[in-house]
Amino acid sequence: MYRLKTAIYAAILAIASVSLFPTAVCAQEYSNPVVKVSQEKVRSGGKLYYSHIVEERQTLFSISKAYGVSLEEIYSANSGLNLEKEGLKKGQILLIPFKDGKVSPTEAQGQEEGKGKEEDAGVSKAKQKADEGYIFHKVKWYEDLESISSKYNVSKRSIMNINNLSSEKLQRKQMLKIPKDSQAWEYKSPEPGSDTALESGKGIAEAEKEDDGKTAEDAVSEKDKEEDPGTLFPSRKSNDVNIALALPFNVRKGGNSQMMDFYSGALMAARDLGKKGYRINLDVVDVVSEAMPDNLFEKSDYIIGPVSNADIMKAVSKCKSRTWIVSPLDPKAESIADTVKNVIQTPTSVGTQISDMIHWIRDDFRNGDKCLLIKQTGSNQSIYSSTVLKAMEASGIHYSTLSFNVLEGRSIMDAMKREMKAQGAVRIVIASDNRPFVMEAVRNIFLVSSSEKIDVQLYGTAKLRSFEGSDGIDVAQLHAVNTHITGTYYIDYDSKEAKDFIHEYRAVFNTEPSLSAFQGFDLMCFFAKASREYGRNIRGCGRICGLQSDLDLVNKPDGGLVNKAVRRVVYSPDYTIRIVDR
């Protein structure tokens, strides 16, 4: 059994049941929705399907036209949904039969010609406008329009006007303009030709500043630093599980859909664990509208949240007990866990992902193989790029280097052909997180490997996977070049555990679980089990596997715990994606 604050539970659950999926932003409120072909593919019953999430006002006919399949094929692939009688529901996940339309290197070149240059030009345009009365902000998982307007002290209306938004619903990674003069945009018509959907490079992302205010060292006493980490959290044998969720739900303003999803997943975990005999005492705090009460730190073994670095620091400053504060979403919070002994960082850092990528190459390397490092010239080196270069230099792997820039386009094809000659496999790393450059590099690798029949293995982190999409890297190209990705999150939808969770989630909430719901389920399971088995003494508990992510906590010498667990996935030429066992 588990306890909840009744009023908060009722409010959040009511909102979660109707707003689990944000509505896509449209140019005009009553325009017909454009059905975008999904980049996600799943395998079921030995067959490959697109995984399509139904959006508002979409019809079976429009979906069938977009994917080039018949209505009968959709009915057959989704027989369990009874679509002929019940029709579509917003948020449903449809399986759409995948038609293997392989693209030749010549055709691919014709289709993709000029896209990289156009996107790069768009980024430059956005940079030029950064000082013309507004700044840029990339929407994070946990943010909504209300929290963004509060952060910059501008009205929601002015943000909507300057960005041509017809709805308050936002999408993850959406790029917003934030007006410096809010009043000027309060009643002004939006700019024609708004470029708010632009995916930023490093230069624009730097406009988004963290409001940490103080360092992590300010929040921990000297006495804490001198104590033995192994004795900080004494074990407590008890069947009771004391967990708190301290997240930016923003219930008074309609609710943050991503946080609602996270909470819904956590509730599913609490329900399942309750059936197994766990006595779960669950407290829920909306950190947007209320402060975390002092007694929360005393009675909770683990507080999941807050999300932002600034709010985590506030919680740390108030926490006088030995309660663990769990950072659930932001990889950058590892800087706090470096120095604060009661902070647990769950998303793996970029540095950890890069390190694992290098180890993977070394593990796979065989006689006759060649390692090729692709670098971008003519731009300032990002933190990501420098980290990859340093890791490669320290790895002991012999590698050659190919450098070019986006504007060179296909002119480097001959040079790439020369560098990709090898007796065995060519293992390639792209030392860049610049989206246009990475897109161009992947296209060139695809074209050369296809035309020259070269055995290619492309290695990357979750950053590479984030560039997938209709306006990004063609997922078919990632499959063609045998892409190996190491990252924090990946769901095996064919696993029994994932299928069971989806089935139960549908039954309770009448919608599909989002990635945030999976994360809420995983973290609730992780720390509820830790609370029962170890009390607050979670150090050394070993690796724990979840539906979407794993947990392998290691001690920071002068701080808390950070997660070093990653998932390795391979995009195979047969269009399957598989998790590689470690």
Protein backbone atom coordinates (compact mmCIF):
# COMPACT_ATOMS: atom_id res chain seq x y z
CA MET A 1 0.00 0.00 0.00
CA TYR A 2 1.13 3.56 -0.44
CA ARG A 3 -0.04 6.91 0.85
CA LEU A 4 -0.48 10.12 -1.08
CA LYS A 5 -1.59 13.59 -0.27
CA THR A 6 -5.16 13.17 -1.41
CA ALA A 7 -5.75 16.62 -2.84
CA ILE A 8 -2.51 16.71 -4.80
CA TYR A 9 -3.03 13.18 -6.07
CA ALA A 10 -6.52 13.95 -7.30
CA ALA A 11 -5.46 17.16 -9.02
CA ILE A 12 -2.42 15.68 -10.72
CA LEU A 13 -4.09 12.45 -11.74
CA ALA A 14 -7.03 14.35 -13.24
CA ILE A 15 -4.71 16.50 -15.31
CA ALA A 16 -2.47 13.57 -16.24
CA SER A 17 -5.43 11.67 -17.64
CA VAL A 18 -6.14 14.34 -20.21
CA SER A 19 -2.78 15.95 -20.97
CA LEU A 20 -0.20 13.21 -21.14
CA PHE A 21 0.75 14.11 -24.69
CA PRO A 22 1.44 17.69 -25.75
CA THR A 23 -0.40 18.91 -28.80
CA ALA A 24 1.84 19.66 -31.75
CA VAL A 25 2.18 23.37 -32.52
CA CYS A 26 0.50 24.30 -35.81
CA ALA A 27 0.85 27.43 -37.90
CA GLN A 28 -2.92 27.90 -37.91
CA GLU A 29 -5.25 26.53 -35.31
CA TYR A 30 -7.71 24.99 -37.79
CA SER A 31 -5.35 23.83 -40.50
CA ASN A 32 -5.28 20.17 -41.41
CA PRO A 33 -2.49 18.44 -39.51
CA VAL A 34 0.51 17.25 -41.47
CA VAL A 35 1.18 13.58 -40.88
CA LYS A 36 4.92 13.21 -40.40
CA VAL A 37 6.44 9.83 -41.07
CA SER A 38 7.88 8.51 -37.82
CA GLN A 39 11.60 7.84 -37.54
CA GLU A 40 11.02 5.19 -34.88
CA LYS A 41 10.91 1.59 -36.07
CA VAL A 42 10.07 -1.47 -33.99
CA ARG A 43 10.10 -5.19 -34.71
CA SER A 44 7.11 -7.30 -33.73
CA GLY A 45 6.41 -10.90 -34.68
CA GLY A 46 9.48 -10.90 -36.92
CA LYS A 47 8.18 -7.94 -38.97
CA LEU A 48 9.38 -4.33 -39.07
CA TYR A 49 6.93 -1.49 -38.39
CA TYR A 50 6.93 2.27 -38.02
CA SER A 51 5.78 3.36 -34.55
CA HIS A 52 3.35 6.25 -35.15
CA ILE A 53 1.81 8.35 -32.35
CA VAL A 54 -1.63 9.61 -33.35
CA GLU A 55 -2.01 13.38 -33.07
CA GLU A 56 -5.17 15.45 -32.81
CA ARG A 57 -7.43 15.47 -35.92
CA GLN A 58 -5.37 12.84 -37.76
CA THR A 59 -7.38 10.21 -39.62
CA LEU A 60 -6.64 6.69 -40.74
CA PHE A 61 -6.89 7.86 -44.33
CA SER A 62 -4.32 10.67 -43.89
CA ILE A 63 -1.96 8.32 -42.04
CA SER A 64 -2.25 5.62 -44.71
CA LYS A 65 -1.48 8.19 -47.44
CA ALA A 66 1.56 9.53 -45.56
CA TYR A 67 3.07 6.07 -45.14
CA GLY A 68 1.98 4.69 -48.51
CA VAL A 69 0.06 1.73 -47.09
CA SER A 70 -3.56 0.64 -47.38
CA LEU A 71 -6.18 0.91 -44.66
CA GLU A 72 -6.42 -2.87 -44.64
CA GLU A 73 -2.72 -3.16 -43.84
CA ILE A 74 -3.09 -0.78 -40.89
CA TYR A 75 -6.15 -2.68 -39.61
CA SER A 76 -4.25 -5.96 -39.86
CA ALA A 77 -1.15 -4.66 -38.08
CA ASN A 78 -3.26 -3.23 -35.22
CA SER A 79 -5.93 -5.91 -34.89
CA GLY A 80 -5.93 -5.64 -31.10
CA LEU A 81 -7.11 -2.00 -31.23
CA ASN A 82 -10.36 -2.70 -33.17
CA LEU A 83 -9.80 0.43 -35.29
CA GLU A 84 -12.66 -0.30 -37.74
CA LYS A 85 -15.26 0.08 -34.97
CA GLU A 86 -13.63 2.39 -32.41
CA GLY A 87 -11.56 4.62 -34.72
CA LEU A 88 -8.48 6.57 -33.63
CA LYS A 89 -7.67 8.13 -30.27
CA LYS A 90 -5.18 10.90 -29.66
CA GLY A 91 -1.98 9.46 -28.22
CA GLN A 92 -2.52 5.97 -29.63
CA ILE A 93 0.55 4.20 -30.97
CA LEU A 94 -0.07 2.56 -34.34
CA LEU A 95 2.09 -0.04 -36.00
CA ILE A 96 2.51 0.90 -39.67
CA PRO A 97 3.98 -1.79 -41.98
CA PHE A 98 7.44 -0.76 -43.15
CA LYS A 99 7.98 -0.78 -46.90
CA ASP A 100 11.62 -1.45 -47.71
CA GLY A 101 12.31 1.37 -50.13
CA LYS A 102 16.09 1.29 -50.38
CA VAL A 103 17.71 4.41 -51.80
CA SER A 104 20.66 4.17 -54.12
CA PRO A 105 23.72 6.36 -53.47
CA THR A 106 22.92 8.46 -56.56
CA GLU A 107 19.31 8.99 -55.53
CA ALA A 108 20.32 9.79 -51.96
CA GLN A 109 22.74 12.39 -53.20
CA GLY A 110 20.07 14.04 -55.32
CA GLN A 111 17.52 14.05 -52.53
CA GLU A 112 19.84 15.39 -49.88
CA GLU A 113 21.81 17.93 -51.97
CA GLY A 114 21.96 21.29 -50.30
CA LYS A 115 20.11 20.44 -47.06
CA GLY A 116 23.23 20.70 -44.93
CA LYS A 117 24.08 24.11 -46.34
CA GLU A 118 20.56 25.39 -45.84
CA GLU A 119 20.48 24.28 -42.24
CA ASP A 120 23.89 25.71 -41.53
CA ALA A 121 22.77 29.00 -43.05
CA GLY A 122 19.71 28.92 -40.81
CA VAL A 123 21.84 28.51 -37.72
CA SER A 124 24.02 31.44 -38.80
CA LYS A 125 20.90 33.54 -39.34
CA ALA A 126 19.69 32.71 -35.86
CA LYS A 127 23.04 33.65 -34.37
CA GLN A 128 22.94 36.99 -36.16
CA LYS A 129 19.55 37.74 -34.67
CA ALA A 130 20.59 36.91 -31.09
CA ASP A 131 21.17 40.57 -30.33
CA GLU A 132 18.19 41.99 -32.22
CA GLY A 133 15.84 42.29 -29.28
CA TYR A 134 15.61 38.67 -28.19
CA ILE A 135 17.58 35.66 -27.00
CA PHE A 136 17.15 31.96 -27.73
CA HIS A 137 15.98 29.21 -25.40
CA LYS A 138 15.83 25.48 -26.18
CA VAL A 139 12.92 23.76 -24.42
CA LYS A 140 13.99 21.05 -21.98
CA TRP A 141 12.10 17.90 -20.95
CA TYR A 142 10.65 19.37 -17.82
CA GLU A 143 9.76 22.85 -19.03
CA ASP A 144 6.49 24.40 -20.13
CA LEU A 145 5.52 27.89 -21.22
CA GLU A 146 4.72 28.98 -17.67
CA SER A 147 8.09 27.99 -16.23
CA ILE A 148 9.97 29.58 -19.16
CA SER A 149 8.06 32.86 -18.84
CA SER A 150 8.86 32.92 -15.10
CA LYS A 151 12.53 32.16 -15.71
CA TYR A 152 12.99 35.16 -18.03
CA ASN A 153 10.36 37.38 -16.37
CA VAL A 154 8.38 37.88 -19.57
CA SER A 155 4.72 37.20 -20.25
CA LYS A 156 3.50 34.03 -21.92
CA ARG A 157 1.62 36.14 -24.45
CA SER A 158 4.77 37.94 -25.60
CA ILE A 159 6.58 34.60 -26.05
CA MET A 160 3.66 33.24 -28.06
CA ASN A 161 3.50 36.34 -30.26
CA ILE A 162 7.19 36.50 -31.11
CA ASN A 163 7.24 32.76 -31.90
CA ASN A 164 3.99 32.53 -33.88
CA LEU A 165 2.57 30.05 -31.37
CA SER A 166 -1.13 29.25 -31.56
CA SER A 167 -1.00 27.01 -28.48
CA GLU A 168 0.80 26.99 -25.13
CA LYS A 169 1.91 23.43 -25.74
CA LEU A 170 5.65 23.10 -26.39
CA GLN A 171 7.80 20.34 -27.73
CA ARG A 172 11.08 19.06 -26.33
CA LYS A 173 14.12 20.72 -28.01
CA GLN A 174 11.92 23.36 -29.60
CA MET A 175 13.85 26.60 -30.07
CA LEU A 176 12.09 29.70 -28.72
CA LYS A 177 12.80 33.39 -29.03
CA ILE A 178 12.57 35.20 -25.70
CA PRO A 179 11.92 38.94 -26.18
CA LYS A 180 14.10 41.30 -24.18
CA ASP A 181 11.25 43.81 -24.22
CA SER A 182 8.18 41.82 -23.18
CA GLN A 183 5.81 44.77 -23.39
CA ALA A 184 6.68 45.43 -27.03
CA TRP A 185 5.41 41.97 -27.96
CA GLU A 186 2.40 41.86 -25.65
CA TYR A 187 -0.01 42.95 -28.44
CA LYS A 188 2.22 42.82 -31.51
CA SER A 189 1.59 40.45 -34.37
CA PRO A 190 4.17 37.68 -34.82
CA GLU A 191 7.01 38.15 -37.25
CA PRO A 192 6.42 36.70 -40.72
CA GLY A 193 8.65 33.78 -41.54
CA SER A 194 9.46 33.00 -37.91
CA ASP A 195 12.40 30.62 -37.52
CA THR A 196 11.50 29.37 -34.06
CA ALA A 197 11.68 25.71 -34.96
CA LEU A 198 15.37 26.04 -35.75
CA GLU A 199 17.48 23.37 -34.09
CA SER A 200 20.42 25.12 -32.52
CA GLY A 201 24.10 24.47 -32.71
CA LYS A 202 26.44 25.14 -29.83
CA GLY A 203 26.45 28.89 -30.32
CA ILE A 204 22.70 29.30 -29.80
CA ALA A 205 22.49 26.81 -26.99
CA GLU A 206 24.94 28.94 -25.07
CA ALA A 207 22.26 31.64 -24.85
CA GLU A 208 20.44 29.41 -22.40
CA LYS A 209 22.11 30.07 -19.07
CA GLU A 210 21.67 28.07 -15.89
CA ASP A 211 20.69 30.21 -12.92
CA ASP A 212 22.61 28.19 -10.39
CA GLY A 213 23.79 31.24 -8.51
CA LYS A 214 26.20 29.44 -6.20
CA THR A 215 28.57 26.53 -6.25
CA ALA A 216 27.92 23.08 -4.86
CA GLU A 217 30.70 23.61 -2.32
CA ASP A 218 28.59 26.31 -0.65
CA ALA A 219 25.91 23.77 0.16
CA VAL A 220 27.95 21.17 2.03
CA SER A 221 29.73 21.67 5.33
CA GLU A 222 33.40 20.95 5.96
CA LYS A 223 32.34 18.38 8.50
CA ASP A 224 30.50 16.42 5.81
CA LYS A 225 33.60 16.39 3.59
CA GLU A 226 35.67 14.82 6.33
CA GLU A 227 33.25 11.99 7.09
CA ASP A 228 33.65 8.47 5.76
CA PRO A 229 31.25 8.02 2.78
CA GLY A 230 30.57 4.45 3.82
CA THR A 231 29.09 5.49 7.17
CA LEU A 232 27.10 8.52 6.09
CA PHE A 233 23.87 6.62 5.52
CA PRO A 234 23.43 3.85 8.06
CA SER A 235 21.40 0.87 6.93
CA ARG A 236 17.84 0.60 8.25
CA LYS A 237 16.05 -2.71 8.08
CA SER A 238 12.38 -1.98 7.44
CA ASN A 239 9.63 -3.00 5.05
CA ASP A 240 8.54 0.61 4.84
CA VAL A 241 9.66 2.57 1.77
CA ASN A 242 9.85 6.33 2.21
CA ILE A 243 9.97 8.17 -1.13
CA ALA A 244 9.18 11.74 -2.13
CA LEU A 245 8.66 13.25 -5.58
CA ALA A 246 9.68 16.91 -5.72
CA LEU A 247 9.04 17.96 -9.31
CA PRO A 248 7.85 21.05 -11.26
CA PHE A 249 4.28 19.82 -11.84
CA ASN A 250 2.93 23.37 -12.10
CA VAL A 251 -0.56 22.08 -11.27
CA ARG A 252 -2.08 25.53 -10.66
CA LYS A 253 -1.31 26.55 -14.26
CA GLY A 254 -2.68 23.44 -15.94
CA GLY A 255 0.18 21.08 -15.32
CA ASN A 256 3.51 20.24 -16.96
CA SER A 257 2.69 17.28 -19.21
CA GLN A 258 6.14 15.75 -19.04
CA MET A 259 6.18 15.83 -15.25
CA MET A 260 2.66 14.42 -15.20
CA ASP A 261 3.88 11.56 -17.37
CA PHE A 262 6.82 10.99 -15.03
CA TYR A 263 4.47 10.94 -12.05
CA SER A 264 2.06 8.56 -13.80
CA GLY A 265 4.91 6.13 -14.41
CA ALA A 266 5.98 6.40 -10.76
CA LEU A 267 2.40 5.62 -9.67
CA MET A 268 2.43 2.49 -11.83
CA ALA A 269 5.64 1.37 -10.12
CA ALA A 270 4.17 2.09 -6.65
CA ARG A 271 1.09 0.07 -7.52
CA ASP A 272 3.10 -2.91 -8.78
CA LEU A 273 5.45 -2.85 -5.79
CA GLY A 274 2.48 -2.56 -3.42
CA LYS A 275 1.14 -5.82 -4.85
CA LYS A 276 4.49 -7.42 -3.97
CA GLY A 277 4.27 -6.45 -0.31
CA TYR A 278 6.02 -3.09 -0.30
CA ARG A 279 4.62 -0.53 2.16
CA ILE A 280 5.26 2.69 0.24
CA ASN A 281 4.93 6.06 1.91
CA LEU A 282 4.88 8.48 -1.03
CA ASP A 283 4.92 12.27 -0.65
CA VAL A 284 4.43 14.57 -3.63
CA VAL A 285 5.55 18.20 -3.79
CA ASP A 286 4.98 20.64 -6.65
CA VAL A 287 8.19 22.71 -6.41
CA VAL A 288 6.70 25.39 -8.69
CA SER A 289 3.95 26.37 -6.28
CA GLU A 290 5.28 25.37 -2.86
CA ALA A 291 8.53 25.03 -0.96
CA MET A 292 9.79 21.64 0.11
CA PRO A 293 8.74 21.20 3.77
CA ASP A 294 11.55 20.62 6.27
CA ASN A 295 10.07 17.37 7.56
CA LEU A 296 10.26 15.93 4.03
CA PHE A 297 14.03 15.59 4.40
CA GLU A 298 13.73 13.85 7.75
CA LYS A 299 11.15 11.21 6.82
CA SER A 300 12.25 10.41 3.23
CA ASP A 301 15.00 7.99 2.34
CA TYR A 302 15.09 9.30 -1.24
CA ILE A 303 13.72 12.50 -2.74
CA ILE A 304 13.40 12.15 -6.53
CA GLY A 305 13.86 15.69 -7.80
CA PRO A 306 14.02 18.58 -8.18
CA VAL A 307 15.00 18.78 -11.85
CA SER A 308 16.99 21.99 -12.43
CA ASN A 309 20.41 22.62 -10.95
CA ALA A 310 19.15 25.74 -9.16
CA ASP A 311 16.29 23.87 -7.43
CA ILE A 312 18.59 20.98 -6.50
CA MET A 313 20.92 23.47 -4.83
CA LYS A 314 17.97 24.92 -2.88
CA ALA A 315 17.07 21.43 -1.68
CA VAL A 316 20.69 20.71 -0.74
CA SER A 317 20.91 23.91 1.32
CA LYS A 318 17.78 22.90 3.29
CA CYS A 319 18.72 19.25 3.75
CA LYS A 320 20.27 18.84 7.19
CA SER A 321 19.63 15.10 7.38
CA ARG A 322 21.20 12.22 5.46
CA THR A 323 18.42 12.00 2.91
CA TRP A 324 19.44 11.26 -0.67
CA ILE A 325 18.44 13.86 -3.26
CA VAL A 326 18.09 12.20 -6.67
CA SER A 327 18.69 14.22 -9.85
CA PRO A 328 16.28 12.52 -12.30
CA LEU A 329 16.74 14.20 -15.69
CA ASP A 330 19.56 16.73 -16.13
CA PRO A 331 23.04 15.25 -16.93
CA LYS A 332 24.67 18.56 -15.99
CA ALA A 333 23.75 18.00 -12.33
CA GLU A 334 26.77 15.68 -12.07
CA SER A 335 28.76 18.79 -11.17
CA ILE A 336 26.76 18.97 -7.92
CA ALA A 337 27.24 15.28 -7.16
CA ASP A 338 31.00 15.86 -7.51
CA THR A 339 31.06 17.74 -4.20
CA VAL A 340 27.81 17.05 -2.34
CA LYS A 341 27.66 13.71 -0.56
CA ASN A 342 23.90 13.19 -0.52
CA VAL A 343 23.19 13.83 -4.23
CA ILE A 344 22.64 10.97 -6.70
CA GLN A 345 23.04 11.73 -10.39
CA THR A 346 20.98 9.26 -12.51
CA PRO A 347 21.39 10.39 -16.19
CA THR A 348 24.87 9.43 -17.39
CA SER A 349 27.09 12.32 -18.38
CA VAL A 350 28.32 12.95 -21.93
CA GLY A 351 31.84 12.18 -20.72
CA THR A 352 30.74 8.75 -19.51
CA GLN A 353 29.04 8.03 -22.82
CA ILE A 354 32.16 9.05 -24.79
CA SER A 355 34.38 6.91 -22.56
CA ASP A 356 32.15 3.89 -23.10
CA MET A 357 32.11 4.54 -26.88
CA ILE A 358 35.94 4.39 -26.95
CA HIS A 359 35.95 1.18 -24.90
CA TRP A 360 33.44 -0.31 -27.33
CA ILE A 361 35.69 0.43 -30.32
CA ARG A 362 38.63 -1.10 -28.52
CA ASP A 363 36.61 -4.22 -27.67
CA ASP A 364 35.44 -4.65 -31.27
CA PHE A 365 38.76 -3.88 -32.97
CA ARG A 366 40.28 -6.74 -35.02
CA ASN A 367 43.39 -7.20 -37.14
CA GLY A 368 42.99 -5.43 -40.48
CA ASP A 369 40.48 -2.91 -39.08
CA LYS A 370 40.97 0.81 -39.36
CA CYS A 371 39.81 3.61 -37.09
CA LEU A 372 38.89 6.95 -38.70
CA LEU A 373 38.25 10.17 -36.77
CA ILE A 374 36.25 12.84 -38.62
CA LYS A 375 36.75 16.44 -37.44
CA GLN A 376 35.17 19.75 -38.36
CA THR A 377 37.42 22.59 -39.47
CA GLY A 378 36.80 26.30 -39.45
CA SER A 379 34.85 26.52 -36.19
CA ASN A 380 35.49 26.81 -32.49
CA GLN A 381 35.89 23.45 -30.83
CA SER A 382 32.97 22.52 -28.58
CA ILE A 383 33.31 20.76 -25.23
CA TYR A 384 31.93 17.61 -26.85
CA SER A 385 34.53 17.72 -29.65
CA SER A 386 37.46 18.31 -27.31
CA THR A 387 36.30 15.50 -25.01
CA VAL A 388 36.14 13.04 -27.92
CA LEU A 389 39.60 14.10 -29.17
CA LYS A 390 41.17 13.75 -25.71
CA ALA A 391 39.53 10.34 -25.21
CA MET A 392 40.79 9.10 -28.57
CA GLU A 393 44.31 10.34 -27.89
CA ALA A 394 44.38 8.60 -24.52
CA SER A 395 42.82 5.36 -25.79
CA GLY A 396 45.92 3.88 -27.38
CA ILE A 397 43.92 3.17 -30.55
CA HIS A 398 45.81 3.96 -33.76
CA TYR A 399 43.59 6.17 -35.91
CA SER A 400 43.73 8.44 -38.96
CA THR A 401 42.02 11.82 -39.22
CA LEU A 402 39.85 13.43 -41.92
CA SER A 403 38.97 17.11 -41.49
CA PHE A 404 36.51 19.19 -43.51
CA ASN A 405 33.65 21.65 -43.11
CA VAL A 406 30.02 21.70 -44.19
CA LEU A 407 30.63 24.05 -47.12
CA GLU A 408 33.01 21.57 -48.74
CA GLY A 409 30.08 19.20 -49.22
CA ARG A 410 30.75 16.44 -51.73
CA SER A 411 34.21 17.77 -52.62
CA ILE A 412 35.74 15.65 -49.88
CA MET A 413 34.29 12.40 -51.24
CA ASP A 414 37.55 11.33 -52.92
CA ALA A 415 39.53 12.00 -49.76
CA MET A 416 36.99 10.04 -47.73
CA LYS A 417 37.23 7.09 -50.16
CA ARG A 418 41.01 7.01 -49.65
CA GLU A 419 40.72 7.15 -45.87
CA MET A 420 38.04 4.44 -45.76
CA LYS A 421 40.16 1.79 -47.50
CA ALA A 422 40.96 -1.09 -45.16
CA GLN A 423 41.43 -4.85 -45.13
CA GLY A 424 38.79 -5.22 -42.44
CA ALA A 425 36.10 -2.95 -41.00
CA VAL A 426 36.38 0.84 -40.89
CA ARG A 427 35.35 2.08 -37.44
CA ILE A 428 34.40 5.77 -37.60
CA VAL A 429 33.94 8.42 -34.92
CA ILE A 430 32.56 11.91 -35.67
CA ALA A 431 34.19 14.32 -33.22
CA SER A 432 31.47 16.96 -33.41
CA ASP A 433 28.06 17.81 -31.98
CA ASN A 434 27.35 20.43 -34.66
CA ARG A 435 24.13 19.21 -36.23
CA PRO A 436 24.67 20.35 -39.86
CA PHE A 437 28.21 18.97 -39.89
CA VAL A 438 27.19 15.62 -38.39
CA MET A 439 24.37 15.30 -40.94
CA GLU A 440 26.80 15.99 -43.78
CA ALA A 441 29.37 13.56 -42.40
CA VAL A 442 26.82 10.73 -42.03
CA ARG A 443 25.52 11.30 -45.57
CA ASN A 444 29.04 11.18 -47.00
CA ILE A 445 29.90 8.03 -45.04
CA PHE A 446 26.70 6.43 -46.31
CA LEU A 447 27.34 7.37 -49.93
CA VAL A 448 30.96 6.20 -49.92
CA SER A 449 30.30 2.94 -48.07
CA SER A 450 27.36 2.10 -50.35
CA SER A 451 29.15 2.85 -53.61
CA GLU A 452 32.46 1.25 -52.61
CA LYS A 453 30.95 -1.73 -50.70
CA ILE A 454 32.96 -0.91 -47.55
CA ASP A 455 32.32 -2.56 -44.18
CA VAL A 456 31.60 0.49 -42.02
CA GLN A 457 30.89 0.74 -38.29
CA LEU A 458 29.89 4.23 -37.12
CA TYR A 459 30.20 4.92 -33.37
CA GLY A 460 28.49 7.71 -31.45
CA THR A 461 26.70 8.77 -28.28
CA ALA A 462 23.08 9.69 -27.58
CA LYS A 463 23.88 13.05 -29.16
CA LEU A 464 24.04 11.35 -32.58
CA ARG A 465 20.68 9.67 -32.02
CA SER A 466 19.12 13.03 -31.10
CA PHE A 467 19.79 14.23 -34.67
CA GLU A 468 17.41 11.65 -36.17
CA GLY A 469 14.24 12.92 -37.79
CA SER A 470 12.54 14.22 -40.88
CA ASP A 471 14.70 17.37 -40.75
CA GLY A 472 17.81 15.59 -39.52
CA ILE A 473 19.70 12.40 -40.19
CA ASP A 474 17.83 9.82 -42.25
CA VAL A 475 17.47 6.82 -39.94
CA ALA A 476 17.92 4.53 -42.96
CA GLN A 477 21.45 5.91 -43.32
CA LEU A 478 22.20 5.11 -39.68
CA HIS A 479 21.14 1.53 -40.32
CA ALA A 480 23.15 1.31 -43.54
CA VAL A 481 26.42 2.32 -41.79
CA ASN A 482 25.94 -0.04 -38.82
CA THR A 483 25.64 2.73 -36.23
CA HIS A 484 26.74 1.85 -32.68
CA ILE A 485 25.32 4.20 -30.04
CA THR A 486 26.03 4.36 -26.34
CA GLY A 487 23.58 6.36 -24.22
CA THR A 488 21.46 6.49 -21.08
CA TYR A 489 18.07 5.53 -22.51
CA TYR A 490 16.70 2.86 -24.84
CA ILE A 491 13.54 0.73 -24.62
CA ASP A 492 13.30 -2.80 -25.98
CA TYR A 493 9.65 -2.78 -26.96
CA ASP A 494 9.78 -6.50 -27.75
CA SER A 495 10.66 -7.41 -24.16
CA LYS A 496 7.95 -8.94 -21.99
CA GLU A 497 8.54 -6.35 -19.28
CA ALA A 498 8.00 -3.40 -21.64
CA LYS A 499 4.90 -5.00 -23.17
CA ASP A 500 3.42 -5.67 -19.72
CA PHE A 501 4.05 -2.07 -18.63
CA ILE A 502 2.47 -0.62 -21.78
CA HIS A 503 -0.57 -2.89 -21.40
CA GLU A 504 -1.09 -1.93 -17.75
CA TYR A 505 -0.45 1.77 -18.41
CA ARG A 506 -3.07 1.80 -21.17
CA ALA A 507 -5.58 0.14 -18.86
CA VAL A 508 -5.06 2.73 -16.09
CA PHE A 509 -4.60 5.99 -18.05
CA ASN A 510 -6.28 5.18 -21.39
CA THR A 511 -3.28 6.41 -23.36
CA GLU A 512 0.23 5.40 -24.35
CA PRO A 513 3.20 5.82 -21.97
CA SER A 514 5.70 8.46 -23.02
CA LEU A 515 9.45 8.23 -22.46
CA SER A 516 9.00 10.32 -19.31
CA ALA A 517 6.50 7.74 -18.00
CA PHE A 518 9.06 4.99 -18.51
CA GLN A 519 11.64 7.07 -16.63
CA GLY A 520 9.27 7.69 -13.72
CA PHE A 521 8.56 3.97 -13.52
CA ASP A 522 12.25 3.04 -13.60
CA LEU A 523 13.41 5.53 -10.97
CA MET A 524 10.53 4.70 -8.63
CA CYS A 525 11.41 1.00 -8.91
CA PHE A 526 15.12 1.69 -8.43
CA PHE A 527 14.82 3.72 -5.27
CA ALA A 528 11.83 1.96 -3.71
CA LYS A 529 13.79 -1.29 -3.90
CA ALA A 530 16.91 0.48 -2.60
CA SER A 531 14.94 1.92 0.33
CA ARG A 532 13.61 -1.52 1.27
CA GLU A 533 16.86 -3.44 0.80
CA TYR A 534 19.46 -0.92 1.93
CA GLY A 535 17.63 1.86 3.75
CA ARG A 536 19.74 4.92 2.99
CA ASN A 537 22.95 2.92 2.63
CA ILE A 538 22.69 2.44 -1.15
CA ARG A 539 26.44 2.62 -1.81
CA GLY A 540 27.73 -0.57 -3.44
CA CYS A 541 24.30 -1.97 -4.33
CA GLY A 542 25.49 -3.04 -7.82
CA ARG A 543 23.86 -2.68 -11.23
CA ILE A 544 20.04 -2.46 -11.43
CA CYS A 545 18.26 -2.84 -14.78
CA GLY A 546 15.07 -1.00 -15.73
CA LEU A 547 12.75 -0.76 -18.73
CA GLN A 548 14.41 2.30 -20.29
CA SER A 549 17.63 2.81 -18.33
CA ASP A 550 19.96 1.06 -15.90
CA LEU A 551 21.59 2.18 -12.68
CA ASP A 552 25.18 1.51 -11.66
CA LEU A 553 26.14 4.01 -8.98
CA VAL A 554 29.77 4.82 -8.20
CA ASN A 555 31.23 7.01 -5.48
CA LYS A 556 32.69 10.40 -6.24
CA PRO A 557 35.78 10.87 -4.03
CA ASP A 558 34.53 14.10 -2.43
CA GLY A 559 30.86 13.87 -3.31
CA GLY A 560 27.83 11.69 -3.82
CA LEU A 561 26.95 9.02 -6.35
CA VAL A 562 26.83 9.15 -10.14
CA ASN A 563 25.39 6.66 -12.59
CA LYS A 564 27.91 5.02 -14.92
CA ALA A 565 25.48 2.59 -16.56
CA VAL A 566 24.93 3.01 -20.30
CA ARG A 567 23.00 1.06 -22.90
CA ARG A 568 24.68 0.03 -26.12
CA VAL A 569 22.43 -0.24 -29.16
CA VAL A 570 23.23 -1.17 -32.75
CA TYR A 571 21.35 -0.03 -35.86
CA SER A 572 21.68 -3.02 -38.21
CA PRO A 573 21.32 -2.93 -42.03
CA ASP A 574 18.21 -5.16 -41.75
CA TYR A 575 16.48 -2.21 -39.98
CA THR A 576 16.53 -3.82 -36.56
CA ILE A 577 17.78 -2.06 -33.45
CA ARG A 578 19.17 -4.31 -30.76
CA ILE A 579 20.59 -3.85 -27.28
CA VAL A 580 24.11 -5.27 -26.98
CA ASP A 581 24.81 -7.25 -23.83
CA ARG A 582 27.85 -6.06 -21.86
